[in-house]
N, C-alpha and C. Protein backbone atom coordinates (compact mmCIF):
# COMPACT_ATOMS: atom_id res chain seq x y z
N UNK A 1 28.71 9.65 10.49
CA UNK A 1 29.50 9.86 9.38
C UNK A 1 28.48 10.97 8.80
N UNK A 2 29.38 12.27 8.28
CA UNK A 2 28.96 13.25 7.79
C UNK A 2 28.92 12.49 5.90
N UNK A 3 27.18 13.15 5.30
CA UNK A 3 27.29 12.53 3.63
C UNK A 3 26.98 14.03 3.19
N UNK A 4 27.15 13.87 1.93
CA UNK A 4 26.63 14.92 1.14
C UNK A 4 25.40 14.29 0.81
N UNK A 5 24.22 15.70 0.58
CA UNK A 5 22.92 15.84 0.75
C UNK A 5 22.62 14.67 -0.60
N UNK A 6 23.45 14.54 -1.53
CA UNK A 6 23.27 13.66 -2.95
C UNK A 6 23.45 12.35 -2.21
N UNK A 7 24.51 12.00 -1.37
CA UNK A 7 24.96 10.64 -0.63
C UNK A 7 23.19 10.14 0.27
N UNK A 8 22.83 11.46 0.87
CA UNK A 8 22.08 11.04 1.96
C UNK A 8 21.08 10.46 0.90
N UNK A 9 20.34 11.19 -0.11
CA UNK A 9 19.29 11.51 -1.05
C UNK A 9 19.44 9.88 -1.55
N UNK A 10 20.69 9.37 -1.94
CA UNK A 10 20.59 7.79 -2.56
C UNK A 10 20.75 7.14 -1.25
N UNK A 11 20.88 7.27 -0.11
CA UNK A 11 20.98 6.10 0.94
C UNK A 11 19.58 5.90 0.68
N UNK A 12 18.97 7.39 1.14
CA UNK A 12 17.08 7.02 1.24
C UNK A 12 16.84 6.28 0.29
N UNK A 13 16.92 6.68 -0.86
CA UNK A 13 16.20 5.99 -2.13
C UNK A 13 16.62 4.59 -2.17
N UNK A 14 17.99 4.00 -1.64
CA UNK A 14 18.33 2.66 -1.91
C UNK A 14 17.52 1.32 -0.53
N UNK A 15 17.14 2.48 0.73
CA UNK A 15 16.88 2.17 1.78
C UNK A 15 15.11 1.39 1.21
N UNK A 16 14.49 2.21 0.16
CA UNK A 16 13.26 2.42 0.15
C UNK A 16 13.07 1.10 -1.24
N UNK A 17 14.01 1.24 -1.55
CA UNK A 17 14.00 -0.35 -2.63
C UNK A 17 13.70 -1.49 -2.25
N UNK A 18 12.85 -2.04 -3.05
CA UNK A 18 12.97 -3.47 -2.70
C UNK A 18 13.74 -4.48 -2.86
N UNK A 19 14.60 -4.25 -3.43
CA UNK A 19 15.84 -5.14 -4.19
C UNK A 19 17.01 -4.87 -3.95
N UNK A 20 16.75 -3.60 -3.39
CA UNK A 20 18.54 -3.35 -2.95
C UNK A 20 19.04 -3.76 -1.53
N UNK A 21 19.93 -4.40 -1.89
CA UNK A 21 20.43 -5.34 -0.37
C UNK A 21 20.96 -4.21 0.93
N UNK A 22 20.82 -4.22 1.88
CA UNK A 22 21.24 -3.34 3.21
C UNK A 22 22.81 -4.19 2.74
N UNK A 23 23.54 -5.13 2.66
CA UNK A 23 24.75 -5.19 2.56
C UNK A 23 25.03 -4.45 1.21
N UNK A 24 24.67 -4.10 0.01
CA UNK A 24 25.28 -3.14 -1.23
C UNK A 24 24.91 -1.56 -0.77
N UNK A 25 24.16 -1.35 0.47
CA UNK A 25 24.52 0.23 1.34
C UNK A 25 25.71 -0.45 2.08
N UNK A 26 26.13 -1.05 2.96
CA UNK A 26 26.74 -1.20 3.43
C UNK A 26 28.31 -1.13 2.62
N UNK A 27 28.15 -1.84 1.19
CA UNK A 27 29.15 -1.43 0.28
C UNK A 27 29.72 -0.46 0.07
N UNK A 28 28.28 0.38 -0.49
CA UNK A 28 28.49 1.99 -0.82
C UNK A 28 29.25 2.84 -0.05
N UNK A 29 28.35 2.52 1.31
CA UNK A 29 28.46 3.83 2.09
C UNK A 29 29.08 3.46 3.39
N UNK A 30 29.13 2.20 3.72
CA UNK A 30 29.85 1.69 5.11
C UNK A 30 28.77 1.72 6.20
N UNK A 31 27.39 1.78 5.75
CA UNK A 31 26.72 1.64 7.50
C UNK A 31 25.84 0.38 6.90
N UNK A 32 25.83 -0.31 8.38
CA UNK A 32 25.34 -1.63 9.13
C UNK A 32 24.11 -1.37 8.49
N UNK A 33 23.30 -2.39 8.49
CA UNK A 33 21.67 -2.33 8.64
C UNK A 33 21.32 -1.84 10.26
N UNK A 34 21.89 -1.37 11.31
CA UNK A 34 21.28 -1.07 12.40
C UNK A 34 21.73 0.54 12.26
N UNK A 35 22.73 0.82 11.55
CA UNK A 35 22.89 2.26 11.11
C UNK A 35 22.09 2.68 10.52
N UNK A 36 21.47 2.07 9.13
CA UNK A 36 20.70 2.51 8.21
C UNK A 36 19.41 2.72 8.98
N UNK A 37 18.98 2.16 9.94
CA UNK A 37 17.73 2.09 10.20
C UNK A 37 17.96 3.61 11.30
N UNK A 38 19.06 3.83 11.74
CA UNK A 38 19.14 4.91 12.51
C UNK A 38 18.88 6.50 11.70
N UNK A 39 19.48 5.86 11.05
CA UNK A 39 19.73 6.74 9.81
C UNK A 39 18.26 7.19 9.13
N UNK A 40 17.80 6.59 8.71
CA UNK A 40 16.51 6.46 8.12
C UNK A 40 15.22 7.27 9.45
N UNK A 41 15.80 6.94 10.65
CA UNK A 41 14.78 7.14 11.68
C UNK A 41 15.07 9.06 11.54
N UNK A 42 16.64 9.34 11.48
CA UNK A 42 16.54 10.87 11.82
C UNK A 42 16.52 11.55 10.69
N UNK A 43 16.11 10.63 8.82
CA UNK A 43 16.11 11.51 8.44
C UNK A 43 14.84 11.72 7.61
N UNK A 44 13.37 10.81 8.01
CA UNK A 44 12.12 10.71 8.19
C UNK A 44 11.58 11.43 9.22
N UNK A 45 10.22 11.68 8.46
CA UNK A 45 9.11 11.83 9.56
C UNK A 45 8.91 10.75 9.95
N UNK A 46 8.47 10.82 11.32
CA UNK A 46 8.09 9.25 12.10
C UNK A 46 7.25 8.56 11.48
N UNK A 47 6.06 9.14 10.36
CA UNK A 47 5.09 8.34 9.85
C UNK A 47 5.79 7.50 8.38
N UNK A 48 6.48 8.30 8.01
CA UNK A 48 7.41 7.30 7.09
C UNK A 48 8.66 7.00 7.56
N UNK A 49 8.94 6.88 8.48
CA UNK A 49 9.59 5.39 8.74
C UNK A 49 8.67 4.79 9.50
N UNK A 50 7.84 4.74 10.09
CA UNK A 50 6.86 3.72 10.58
C UNK A 50 6.98 2.97 9.18
N UNK A 51 6.23 3.72 7.80
CA UNK A 51 5.83 2.80 6.70
C UNK A 51 6.75 2.36 6.25
N UNK A 52 7.98 2.81 6.64
CA UNK A 52 9.69 1.93 5.68
C UNK A 52 9.87 1.20 6.49
N UNK A 53 9.57 1.43 7.99
CA UNK A 53 9.99 0.24 8.48
C UNK A 53 9.19 -1.46 8.17
N UNK A 54 8.30 -1.17 8.18
CA UNK A 54 6.93 -2.31 8.12
C UNK A 54 6.70 -2.74 6.48
N UNK A 55 7.58 -1.88 6.10
CA UNK A 55 8.10 -2.35 4.49
C UNK A 55 8.95 -3.14 4.88
N UNK A 56 10.10 -2.65 4.96
CA UNK A 56 11.12 -3.43 4.45
C UNK A 56 11.72 -4.87 5.95
N UNK A 57 11.02 -4.85 7.15
CA UNK A 57 10.90 -5.82 8.26
C UNK A 57 10.73 -7.27 7.81
N UNK A 58 11.74 -8.21 7.36
CA UNK A 58 11.57 -9.40 7.21
C UNK A 58 11.16 -9.85 5.71
N UNK A 59 11.74 -8.83 4.98
CA UNK A 59 11.46 -8.74 3.20
C UNK A 59 12.72 -9.67 2.98
N UNK A 60 12.54 -10.93 2.30
CA UNK A 60 13.45 -11.38 2.31
C UNK A 60 14.66 -10.82 1.56
N UNK A 61 14.19 -9.64 0.18
CA UNK A 61 14.98 -9.41 -1.17
C UNK A 61 16.04 -8.50 -0.49
N UNK A 62 16.10 -7.81 0.88
CA UNK A 62 16.94 -6.85 1.86
C UNK A 62 18.00 -7.73 2.53
N UNK A 63 18.07 -8.86 2.67
CA UNK A 63 19.09 -9.04 2.92
C UNK A 63 19.76 -10.58 1.95
N UNK A 64 20.86 -10.67 2.03
CA UNK A 64 21.71 -11.70 1.03
C UNK A 64 21.39 -13.28 1.93
N UNK A 65 21.18 -13.22 3.17
CA UNK A 65 21.03 -14.59 3.18
C UNK A 65 20.30 -15.06 3.25
N UNK A 66 18.93 -13.99 3.46
CA UNK A 66 17.59 -15.04 3.12
C UNK A 66 16.81 -14.91 1.60
N UNK A 67 17.72 -14.01 0.72
CA UNK A 67 17.49 -13.55 -0.43
C UNK A 67 17.45 -15.56 -1.56
N UNK A 68 16.76 -15.58 -2.52
CA UNK A 68 16.62 -17.00 -3.39
C UNK A 68 17.61 -16.25 -4.12
N UNK A 69 18.73 -17.73 -4.28
CA UNK A 69 19.66 -17.53 -5.35
C UNK A 69 19.38 -17.36 -6.57
N UNK A 70 18.20 -17.30 -6.65
CA UNK A 70 18.01 -17.29 -8.42
C UNK A 70 17.95 -15.39 -8.45
N UNK A 71 17.80 -14.55 -7.29
CA UNK A 71 17.77 -12.91 -7.58
C UNK A 71 19.07 -12.52 -7.95
N UNK A 72 19.27 -11.93 -9.19
CA UNK A 72 20.97 -12.33 -9.83
C UNK A 72 21.24 -10.47 -9.76
N UNK A 73 19.85 -9.95 -9.51
CA UNK A 73 20.10 -8.41 -10.23
C UNK A 73 19.71 -7.90 -9.07
N UNK A 74 20.11 -6.32 -8.88
CA UNK A 74 19.27 -5.99 -7.73
C UNK A 74 18.39 -4.45 -7.74
N UNK A 75 18.15 -4.62 -9.27
CA UNK A 75 16.66 -3.84 -9.60
C UNK A 75 15.97 -4.30 -10.74
N UNK A 76 14.69 -3.78 -10.93
CA UNK A 76 13.98 -4.44 -11.61
C UNK A 76 14.87 -3.39 -12.96
N UNK A 77 14.81 -4.31 -14.44
CA UNK A 77 15.15 -4.44 -15.39
C UNK A 77 14.75 -2.80 -16.17
N UNK A 78 13.56 -2.63 -16.10
CA UNK A 78 12.42 -0.93 -16.46
C UNK A 78 13.21 -0.22 -15.62
N UNK A 79 13.46 -0.04 -14.64
CA UNK A 79 13.72 0.75 -13.19
C UNK A 79 14.81 1.94 -13.79
N UNK A 80 15.28 1.54 -14.81
CA UNK A 80 16.13 2.65 -15.10
C UNK A 80 16.47 3.37 -16.19
N UNK A 81 15.65 2.93 -17.29
CA UNK A 81 15.13 3.18 -18.77
C UNK A 81 14.91 4.57 -18.55
N UNK A 82 15.29 5.44 -19.75
CA UNK A 82 15.13 6.83 -20.03
C UNK A 82 13.64 6.99 -20.70
N UNK A 83 13.04 7.64 -20.13
CA UNK A 83 11.58 8.01 -20.88
C UNK A 83 10.82 8.80 -21.45
């Protein structure tokens, strides 16, 4: 799939965010989790990719099925406040 520079930047940002589900990335951009992994591998430096994989591997907040039912939002309430 071809994405604009803005969309690629947003996919990378969403993939790094702890509370953004892989399912949300799929819903918005059509990329499954394995496709997001390949996308990140191709866009990040090898050391950054390794850090990202270590960070998201096994993280329950990145998968709808593993996520606690008490989490009803996708980001921290202060994340998008104007400063």
